[in-house]
Amino acid sequence: GCTNIVVKGGVCIRHGAQVKRCSVGECTNHAKKGGVCWRHGAKVEVKLCSVEDCTNIRVKGGVCKRHGAKVKRCIVGDCKNQVQ
C-alpha cells in the first residue's frame, strides 16, 4: 500500500488527488487561501490560546497543549511523535 499522506478525497497526489495551483502567472505552488500561495499573499490566521497571557498557538478546544489540549500520537511501535 501507499504510505504517502492523504491530501484530498482519501488519496495522495500521486494517486489522483487534485490540488489547486496558485493563480499568479507562472507560479506552480499550491494555492493556500484565496487562490494564491503564501509567496503571493495568502495570509495565515494564527489563533492563540484562550488562557490569559498565554502566547502559544491554539491546538484543540481553544487551548494549547500546555493548558490541556489533547493531541493524537503515532501508534507505530514506540514512536511518540504527534500525528500531523
PDB file of N, CA and C in Angstrom:
ATOM      1  N   GLY A   1       0.802  -1.191   0.000  1.00  0.00           N
ATOM      2  CA  GLY A   1       0.000   0.000   0.000  1.00  0.00           C
ATOM      3  C   GLY A   1       0.849   1.261   0.000  1.00  0.00           C
ATOM      4  N   CYS A   2       0.212   2.305  -0.385  1.00  0.00           N
ATOM      5  CA  CYS A   2       0.847   3.620  -0.436  1.00  0.00           C
ATOM      6  C   CYS A   2       0.970   4.193   0.970  1.00  0.00           C
ATOM      7  N   THR A   3       2.132   4.786   1.268  1.00  0.00           N
ATOM      8  CA  THR A   3       2.353   5.362   2.599  1.00  0.00           C
ATOM      9  C   THR A   3       2.395   6.889   2.559  1.00  0.00           C
ATOM     10  N   ASN A   4       2.025   7.486   1.418  1.00  0.00           N
ATOM     11  CA  ASN A   4       2.006   8.948   1.314  1.00  0.00           C
ATOM     12  C   ASN A   4       0.841   9.525   2.110  1.00  0.00           C
ATOM     13  N   ILE A   5       0.953  10.810   2.470  1.00  0.00           N
ATOM     14  CA  ILE A   5      -0.098  11.483   3.225  1.00  0.00           C
ATOM     15  C   ILE A   5      -1.304  11.731   2.321  1.00  0.00           C
ATOM     16  N   VAL A   6      -2.497  11.424   2.836  1.00  0.00           N
ATOM     17  CA  VAL A   6      -3.732  11.663   2.105  1.00  0.00           C
ATOM     18  C   VAL A   6      -3.936  13.168   1.983  1.00  0.00           C
ATOM     19  N   VAL A   7      -4.257  13.634   0.772  1.00  0.00           N
ATOM     20  CA  VAL A   7      -4.409  15.054   0.531  1.00  0.00           C
ATOM     21  C   VAL A   7      -5.877  15.433   0.368  1.00  0.00           C
ATOM     22  N   LYS A   8      -6.591  14.713  -0.496  1.00  0.00           N
ATOM     23  CA  LYS A   8      -7.980  15.062  -0.775  1.00  0.00           C
ATOM     24  C   LYS A   8      -8.710  13.839  -1.306  1.00  0.00           C
ATOM     25  N   GLY A   9      -9.922  13.639  -0.842  1.00  0.00           N
ATOM     26  CA  GLY A   9     -10.737  12.537  -1.343  1.00  0.00           C
ATOM     27  C   GLY A   9     -10.200  11.164  -0.986  1.00  0.00           C
ATOM     28  N   GLY A  10      -9.391  11.073   0.072  1.00  0.00           N
ATOM     29  CA  GLY A  10      -8.871   9.788   0.514  1.00  0.00           C
ATOM     30  C   GLY A  10      -7.664   9.290  -0.244  1.00  0.00           C
ATOM     31  N   VAL A  11      -7.093  10.105  -1.139  1.00  0.00           N
ATOM     32  CA  VAL A  11      -5.923   9.675  -1.896  1.00  0.00           C
ATOM     33  C   VAL A  11      -4.815  10.736  -1.843  1.00  0.00           C
ATOM     34  N   CYS A  12      -3.598  10.297  -2.114  1.00  0.00           N
ATOM     35  CA  CYS A  12      -2.455  11.216  -2.166  1.00  0.00           C
ATOM     36  C   CYS A  12      -2.378  11.828  -3.567  1.00  0.00           C
ATOM     37  N   ILE A  13      -1.473  12.766  -3.733  1.00  0.00           N
ATOM     38  CA  ILE A  13      -1.315  13.436  -5.032  1.00  0.00           C
ATOM     39  C   ILE A  13      -0.910  12.447  -6.117  1.00  0.00           C
ATOM     40  N   ARG A  14      -0.007  11.525  -5.780  1.00  0.00           N
ATOM     41  CA  ARG A  14       0.463  10.540  -6.758  1.00  0.00           C
ATOM     42  C   ARG A  14      -0.687   9.668  -7.289  1.00  0.00           C
ATOM     43  N   HIS A  15      -1.692   9.421  -6.458  1.00  0.00           N
ATOM     44  CA  HIS A  15      -2.790   8.537  -6.851  1.00  0.00           C
ATOM     45  C   HIS A  15      -4.078   9.273  -7.220  1.00  0.00           C
ATOM     46  N   GLY A  16      -3.948  10.544  -7.574  1.00  0.00           N
ATOM     47  CA  GLY A  16      -5.073  11.238  -8.184  1.00  0.00           C
ATOM     48  C   GLY A  16      -5.706  12.391  -7.437  1.00  0.00           C
ATOM     49  N   ALA A  17      -5.217  12.761  -6.277  1.00  0.00           N
ATOM     50  CA  ALA A  17      -5.799  13.902  -5.575  1.00  0.00           C
ATOM     51  C   ALA A  17      -5.525  15.172  -6.383  1.00  0.00           C
ATOM     52  N   GLN A  18      -6.556  15.948  -6.640  1.00  0.00           N
ATOM     53  CA  GLN A  18      -6.410  17.190  -7.387  1.00  0.00           C
ATOM     54  C   GLN A  18      -6.171  18.338  -6.416  1.00  0.00           C
ATOM     55  N   VAL A  19      -5.106  19.091  -6.617  1.00  0.00           N
ATOM     56  CA  VAL A  19      -4.805  20.243  -5.773  1.00  0.00           C
ATOM     57  C   VAL A  19      -4.798  21.497  -6.632  1.00  0.00           C
ATOM     58  N   LYS A  20      -5.264  22.589  -6.066  1.00  0.00           N
ATOM     59  CA  LYS A  20      -5.316  23.845  -6.807  1.00  0.00           C
ATOM     60  C   LYS A  20      -3.941  24.498  -6.812  1.00  0.00           C
ATOM     61  N   ARG A  21      -3.593  25.095  -7.941  1.00  0.00           N
ATOM     62  CA  ARG A  21      -2.316  25.791  -8.095  1.00  0.00           C
ATOM     63  C   ARG A  21      -2.540  27.292  -7.934  1.00  0.00           C
ATOM     64  N   CYS A  22      -1.490  27.984  -7.563  1.00  0.00           N
ATOM     65  CA  CYS A  22      -1.522  29.432  -7.402  1.00  0.00           C
ATOM     66  C   CYS A  22      -1.948  30.083  -8.721  1.00  0.00           C
ATOM     67  N   SER A  23      -2.795  31.107  -8.623  1.00  0.00           N
ATOM     68  CA  SER A  23      -3.339  31.740  -9.825  1.00  0.00           C
ATOM     69  C   SER A  23      -2.468  32.882 -10.366  1.00  0.00           C
ATOM     70  N   VAL A  24      -1.298  33.109  -9.766  1.00  0.00           N
ATOM     71  CA  VAL A  24      -0.432  34.197 -10.200  1.00  0.00           C
ATOM     72  C   VAL A  24       0.534  33.710 -11.273  1.00  0.00           C
ATOM     73  N   GLY A  25       0.395  34.249 -12.472  1.00  0.00           N
ATOM     74  CA  GLY A  25       1.310  33.995 -13.598  1.00  0.00           C
ATOM     75  C   GLY A  25       1.774  32.565 -13.754  1.00  0.00           C
ATOM     76  N   GLU A  26       3.096  32.386 -13.756  1.00  0.00           N
ATOM     77  CA  GLU A  26       3.726  31.086 -13.976  1.00  0.00           C
ATOM     78  C   GLU A  26       3.975  30.303 -12.688  1.00  0.00           C
ATOM     79  N   CYS A  27       3.457  30.757 -11.561  1.00  0.00           N
ATOM     80  CA  CYS A  27       3.706  30.112 -10.270  1.00  0.00           C
ATOM     81  C   CYS A  27       3.096  28.712 -10.236  1.00  0.00           C
ATOM     82  N   THR A  28       3.871  27.732  -9.753  1.00  0.00           N
ATOM     83  CA  THR A  28       3.388  26.349  -9.692  1.00  0.00           C
ATOM     84  C   THR A  28       3.163  25.868  -8.265  1.00  0.00           C
ATOM     85  N   ASN A  29       3.222  26.782  -7.289  1.00  0.00           N
ATOM     86  CA  ASN A  29       2.989  26.405  -5.894  1.00  0.00           C
ATOM     87  C   ASN A  29       1.512  26.092  -5.663  1.00  0.00           C
ATOM     88  N   HIS A  30       1.233  25.356  -4.600  1.00  0.00           N
ATOM     89  CA  HIS A  30      -0.144  25.024  -4.246  1.00  0.00           C
ATOM     90  C   HIS A  30      -0.844  26.258  -3.701  1.00  0.00           C
ATOM     91  N   ALA A  31      -2.086  26.479  -4.097  1.00  0.00           N
ATOM     92  CA  ALA A  31      -2.874  27.596  -3.578  1.00  0.00           C
ATOM     93  C   ALA A  31      -3.291  27.265  -2.149  1.00  0.00           C
ATOM     94  N   LYS A  32      -3.133  28.217  -1.257  1.00  0.00           N
ATOM     95  CA  LYS A  32      -3.462  28.002   0.148  1.00  0.00           C
ATOM     96  C   LYS A  32      -4.774  28.676   0.537  1.00  0.00           C
ATOM     97  N   LYS A  33      -4.905  29.963   0.213  1.00  0.00           N
ATOM     98  CA  LYS A  33      -6.098  30.709   0.589  1.00  0.00           C
ATOM     99  C   LYS A  33      -6.336  31.791  -0.455  1.00  0.00           C
ATOM    100  N   GLY A  34      -7.580  31.936  -0.896  1.00  0.00           N
ATOM    101  CA  GLY A  34      -7.889  32.970  -1.877  1.00  0.00           C
ATOM    102  C   GLY A  34      -7.310  32.700  -3.254  1.00  0.00           C
ATOM    103  N   GLY A  35      -6.956  31.450  -3.548  1.00  0.00           N
ATOM    104  CA  GLY A  35      -6.438  31.097  -4.864  1.00  0.00           C
ATOM    105  C   GLY A  35      -4.968  31.385  -5.073  1.00  0.00           C
ATOM    106  N   VAL A  36      -4.254  31.820  -4.015  1.00  0.00           N
ATOM    107  CA  VAL A  36      -2.833  32.115  -4.147  1.00  0.00           C
ATOM    108  C   VAL A  36      -2.027  31.369  -3.087  1.00  0.00           C
ATOM    109  N   CYS A  37      -0.710  31.271  -3.346  1.00  0.00           N
ATOM    110  CA  CYS A  37       0.187  30.612  -2.399  1.00  0.00           C
ATOM    111  C   CYS A  37       0.667  31.632  -1.366  1.00  0.00           C
ATOM    112  N   TRP A  38       1.447  31.168  -0.378  1.00  0.00           N
ATOM    113  CA  TRP A  38       1.973  32.062   0.656  1.00  0.00           C
ATOM    114  C   TRP A  38       2.811  33.176   0.041  1.00  0.00           C
ATOM    115  N   ARG A  39       3.624  32.834  -0.942  1.00  0.00           N
ATOM    116  CA  ARG A  39       4.521  33.804  -1.568  1.00  0.00           C
ATOM    117  C   ARG A  39       3.759  34.961  -2.223  1.00  0.00           C
ATOM    118  N   HIS A  40       2.564  34.675  -2.711  1.00  0.00           N
ATOM    119  CA  HIS A  40       1.797  35.703  -3.426  1.00  0.00           C
ATOM    120  C   HIS A  40       0.647  36.282  -2.609  1.00  0.00           C
ATOM    121  N   GLY A  41       0.681  36.118  -1.298  1.00  0.00           N
ATOM    122  CA  GLY A  41      -0.234  36.873  -0.454  1.00  0.00           C
ATOM    123  C   GLY A  41      -1.241  36.124   0.383  1.00  0.00           C
ATOM    124  N   ALA A  42      -1.240  34.805   0.368  1.00  0.00           N
ATOM    125  CA  ALA A  42      -2.175  34.085   1.233  1.00  0.00           C
ATOM    126  C   ALA A  42      -1.746  34.309   2.681  1.00  0.00           C
ATOM    127  N   LYS A  43      -2.619  34.819   3.504  1.00  0.00           N
ATOM    128  CA  LYS A  43      -2.292  35.137   4.891  1.00  0.00           C
ATOM    129  C   LYS A  43      -2.703  33.994   5.809  1.00  0.00           C
ATOM    130  N   VAL A  44      -1.888  33.759   6.834  1.00  0.00           N
ATOM    131  CA  VAL A  44      -2.178  32.728   7.824  1.00  0.00           C
ATOM    132  C   VAL A  44      -2.790  33.410   9.044  1.00  0.00           C
ATOM    133  N   GLU A  45      -3.951  32.946   9.455  1.00  0.00           N
ATOM    134  CA  GLU A  45      -4.578  33.497  10.643  1.00  0.00           C
ATOM    135  C   GLU A  45      -4.234  32.593  11.816  1.00  0.00           C
ATOM    136  N   VAL A  46      -3.345  33.072  12.688  1.00  0.00           N
ATOM    137  CA  VAL A  46      -2.898  32.292  13.827  1.00  0.00           C
ATOM    138  C   VAL A  46      -3.796  32.594  15.014  1.00  0.00           C
ATOM    139  N   LYS A  47      -4.383  31.565  15.571  1.00  0.00           N
ATOM    140  CA  LYS A  47      -5.242  31.745  16.736  1.00  0.00           C
ATOM    141  C   LYS A  47      -4.475  31.329  17.981  1.00  0.00           C
ATOM    142  N   LEU A  48      -4.507  32.183  18.982  1.00  0.00           N
ATOM    143  CA  LEU A  48      -3.756  31.939  20.207  1.00  0.00           C
ATOM    144  C   LEU A  48      -4.619  31.275  21.272  1.00  0.00           C
ATOM    145  N   CYS A  49      -3.943  30.662  22.230  1.00  0.00           N
ATOM    146  CA  CYS A  49      -4.577  30.005  23.365  1.00  0.00           C
ATOM    147  C   CYS A  49      -5.485  31.004  24.094  1.00  0.00           C
ATOM    148  N   SER A  50      -6.635  30.536  24.574  1.00  0.00           N
ATOM    149  CA  SER A  50      -7.601  31.418  25.227  1.00  0.00           C
ATOM    150  C   SER A  50      -7.273  31.702  26.692  1.00  0.00           C
ATOM    151  N   VAL A  51      -6.234  31.062  27.241  1.00  0.00           N
ATOM    152  CA  VAL A  51      -5.831  31.317  28.623  1.00  0.00           C
ATOM    153  C   VAL A  51      -5.115  32.667  28.694  1.00  0.00           C
ATOM    154  N   GLU A  52      -5.468  33.467  29.681  1.00  0.00           N
ATOM    155  CA  GLU A  52      -4.922  34.822  29.816  1.00  0.00           C
ATOM    156  C   GLU A  52      -3.389  34.829  29.834  1.00  0.00           C
ATOM    157  N   ASP A  53      -2.795  35.741  29.092  1.00  0.00           N
ATOM    158  CA  ASP A  53      -1.351  35.958  28.983  1.00  0.00           C
ATOM    159  C   ASP A  53      -0.581  34.815  28.313  1.00  0.00           C
ATOM    160  N   CYS A  54      -1.261  33.825  27.748  1.00  0.00           N
ATOM    161  CA  CYS A  54      -0.586  32.734  27.032  1.00  0.00           C
ATOM    162  C   CYS A  54      -0.449  33.125  25.566  1.00  0.00           C
ATOM    163  N   THR A  55       0.762  32.988  25.013  1.00  0.00           N
ATOM    164  CA  THR A  55       1.008  33.358  23.616  1.00  0.00           C
ATOM    165  C   THR A  55       1.239  32.144  22.724  1.00  0.00           C
ATOM    166  N   ASN A  56       0.926  30.945  23.224  1.00  0.00           N
ATOM    167  CA  ASN A  56       1.081  29.730  22.423  1.00  0.00           C
ATOM    168  C   ASN A  56      -0.066  29.608  21.422  1.00  0.00           C
ATOM    169  N   ILE A  57       0.180  28.868  20.345  1.00  0.00           N
ATOM    170  CA  ILE A  57      -0.838  28.657  19.323  1.00  0.00           C
ATOM    171  C   ILE A  57      -1.864  27.640  19.801  1.00  0.00           C
ATOM    172  N   ARG A  58      -3.121  27.953  19.549  1.00  0.00           N
ATOM    173  CA  ARG A  58      -4.252  27.094  19.907  1.00  0.00           C
ATOM    174  C   ARG A  58      -4.157  25.770  19.160  1.00  0.00           C
ATOM    175  N   VAL A  59      -4.406  24.658  19.864  1.00  0.00           N
ATOM    176  CA  VAL A  59      -4.323  23.344  19.241  1.00  0.00           C
ATOM    177  C   VAL A  59      -5.706  22.729  19.089  1.00  0.00           C
ATOM    178  N   LYS A  60      -6.443  22.624  20.183  1.00  0.00           N
ATOM    179  CA  LYS A  60      -7.755  21.993  20.155  1.00  0.00           C
ATOM    180  C   LYS A  60      -8.574  22.515  21.324  1.00  0.00           C
ATOM    181  N   GLY A  61      -9.837  22.777  21.076  1.00  0.00           N
ATOM    182  CA  GLY A  61     -10.712  23.239  22.141  1.00  0.00           C
ATOM    183  C   GLY A  61     -10.379  24.634  22.645  1.00  0.00           C
ATOM    184  N   GLY A  62      -9.687  25.423  21.848  1.00  0.00           N
ATOM    185  CA  GLY A  62      -9.371  26.792  22.216  1.00  0.00           C
ATOM    186  C   GLY A  62      -8.149  26.972  23.083  1.00  0.00           C
ATOM    187  N   VAL A  63      -7.441  25.873  23.396  1.00  0.00           N
ATOM    188  CA  VAL A  63      -6.264  25.980  24.247  1.00  0.00           C
ATOM    189  C   VAL A  63      -5.054  25.286  23.624  1.00  0.00           C
ATOM    190  N   CYS A  64      -3.873  25.619  24.153  1.00  0.00           N
ATOM    191  CA  CYS A  64      -2.631  24.998  23.685  1.00  0.00           C
ATOM    192  C   CYS A  64      -2.392  23.692  24.455  1.00  0.00           C
ATOM    193  N   LYS A  65      -1.334  22.972  24.074  1.00  0.00           N
ATOM    194  CA  LYS A  65      -1.011  21.705  24.758  1.00  0.00           C
ATOM    195  C   LYS A  65      -0.731  21.920  26.237  1.00  0.00           C
ATOM    196  N   ARG A  66      -0.047  23.006  26.570  1.00  0.00           N
ATOM    197  CA  ARG A  66       0.303  23.294  27.961  1.00  0.00           C
ATOM    198  C   ARG A  66      -0.943  23.465  28.837  1.00  0.00           C
ATOM    199  N   HIS A  67      -2.019  23.952  28.243  1.00  0.00           N
ATOM    200  CA  HIS A  67      -3.230  24.223  29.016  1.00  0.00           C
ATOM    201  C   HIS A  67      -4.333  23.186  28.803  1.00  0.00           C
ATOM    202  N   GLY A  68      -3.967  22.009  28.320  1.00  0.00           N
ATOM    203  CA  GLY A  68      -4.903  20.888  28.320  1.00  0.00           C
ATOM    204  C   GLY A  68      -5.391  20.342  27.007  1.00  0.00           C
ATOM    205  N   ALA A  69      -4.938  20.861  25.881  1.00  0.00           N
ATOM    206  CA  ALA A  69      -5.374  20.319  24.594  1.00  0.00           C
ATOM    207  C   ALA A  69      -4.771  18.926  24.406  1.00  0.00           C
ATOM    208  N   LYS A  70      -5.603  17.964  24.086  1.00  0.00           N
ATOM    209  CA  LYS A  70      -5.136  16.602  23.848  1.00  0.00           C
ATOM    210  C   LYS A  70      -4.741  16.465  22.385  1.00  0.00           C
ATOM    211  N   VAL A  71      -3.581  15.877  22.118  1.00  0.00           N
ATOM    212  CA  VAL A  71      -3.110  15.670  20.753  1.00  0.00           C
ATOM    213  C   VAL A  71      -2.968  14.185  20.477  1.00  0.00           C
ATOM    214  N   LYS A  72      -3.215  13.793  19.223  1.00  0.00           N
ATOM    215  CA  LYS A  72      -3.088  12.396  18.830  1.00  0.00           C
ATOM    216  C   LYS A  72      -1.620  12.049  18.652  1.00  0.00           C
ATOM    217  N   ARG A  73      -1.236  10.865  19.066  1.00  0.00           N
ATOM    218  CA  ARG A  73       0.140  10.386  18.942  1.00  0.00           C
ATOM    219  C   ARG A  73       0.199   9.238  17.948  1.00  0.00           C
ATOM    220  N   CYS A  74       1.360   9.041  17.370  1.00  0.00           N
ATOM    221  CA  CYS A  74       1.591   7.952  16.433  1.00  0.00           C
ATOM    222  C   CYS A  74       1.376   6.608  17.136  1.00  0.00           C
ATOM    223  N   ILE A  75       0.806   5.646  16.405  1.00  0.00           N
ATOM    224  CA  ILE A  75       0.514   4.350  17.008  1.00  0.00           C
ATOM    225  C   ILE A  75       1.522   3.252  16.620  1.00  0.00           C
ATOM    226  N   VAL A  76       2.556   3.630  15.859  1.00  0.00           N
ATOM    227  CA  VAL A  76       3.535   2.652  15.384  1.00  0.00           C
ATOM    228  C   VAL A  76       4.600   2.417  16.451  1.00  0.00           C
ATOM    229  N   GLY A  77       4.681   1.195  16.923  1.00  0.00           N
ATOM    230  CA  GLY A  77       5.727   0.797  17.864  1.00  0.00           C
ATOM    231  C   GLY A  77       5.897   1.714  19.064  1.00  0.00           C
ATOM    232  N   ASP A  78       7.146   2.123  19.294  1.00  0.00           N
ATOM    233  CA  ASP A  78       7.467   3.005  20.412  1.00  0.00           C
ATOM    234  C   ASP A  78       7.509   4.473  20.007  1.00  0.00           C
ATOM    235  N   CYS A  79       6.979   4.813  18.851  1.00  0.00           N
ATOM    236  CA  CYS A  79       7.013   6.181  18.345  1.00  0.00           C
ATOM    237  C   CYS A  79       6.151   7.097  19.219  1.00  0.00           C
ATOM    238  N   LYS A  80       6.685   8.254  19.580  1.00  0.00           N
ATOM    239  CA  LYS A  80       5.971   9.220  20.435  1.00  0.00           C
ATOM    240  C   LYS A  80       5.636  10.498  19.666  1.00  0.00           C
ATOM    241  N   ASN A  81       5.799  10.504  18.344  1.00  0.00           N
ATOM    242  CA  ASN A  81       5.541  11.703  17.545  1.00  0.00           C
ATOM    243  C   ASN A  81       4.061  12.043  17.486  1.00  0.00           C
ATOM    244  N   GLN A  82       3.779  13.321  17.289  1.00  0.00           N
ATOM    245  CA  GLN A  82       2.417  13.792  17.162  1.00  0.00           C
ATOM    246  C   GLN A  82       1.949  13.534  15.742  1.00  0.00           C
ATOM    247  N   VAL A  83       0.697  13.121  15.593  1.00  0.00           N
ATOM    248  CA  VAL A  83       0.111  12.879  14.278  1.00  0.00           C
ATOM    249  C   VAL A  83      -0.095  14.222  13.594  1.00  0.00           C
ATOM    250  N   GLN A  84       0.171  14.287  12.273  1.00  0.00           N
ATOM    251  CA  GLN A  84       0.014  15.554  11.555  1.00  0.00           C
ATOM    252  C   GLN A  84      -1.417  15.819  11.206  1.00  0.00           C
TER     253      GLN A  84
END
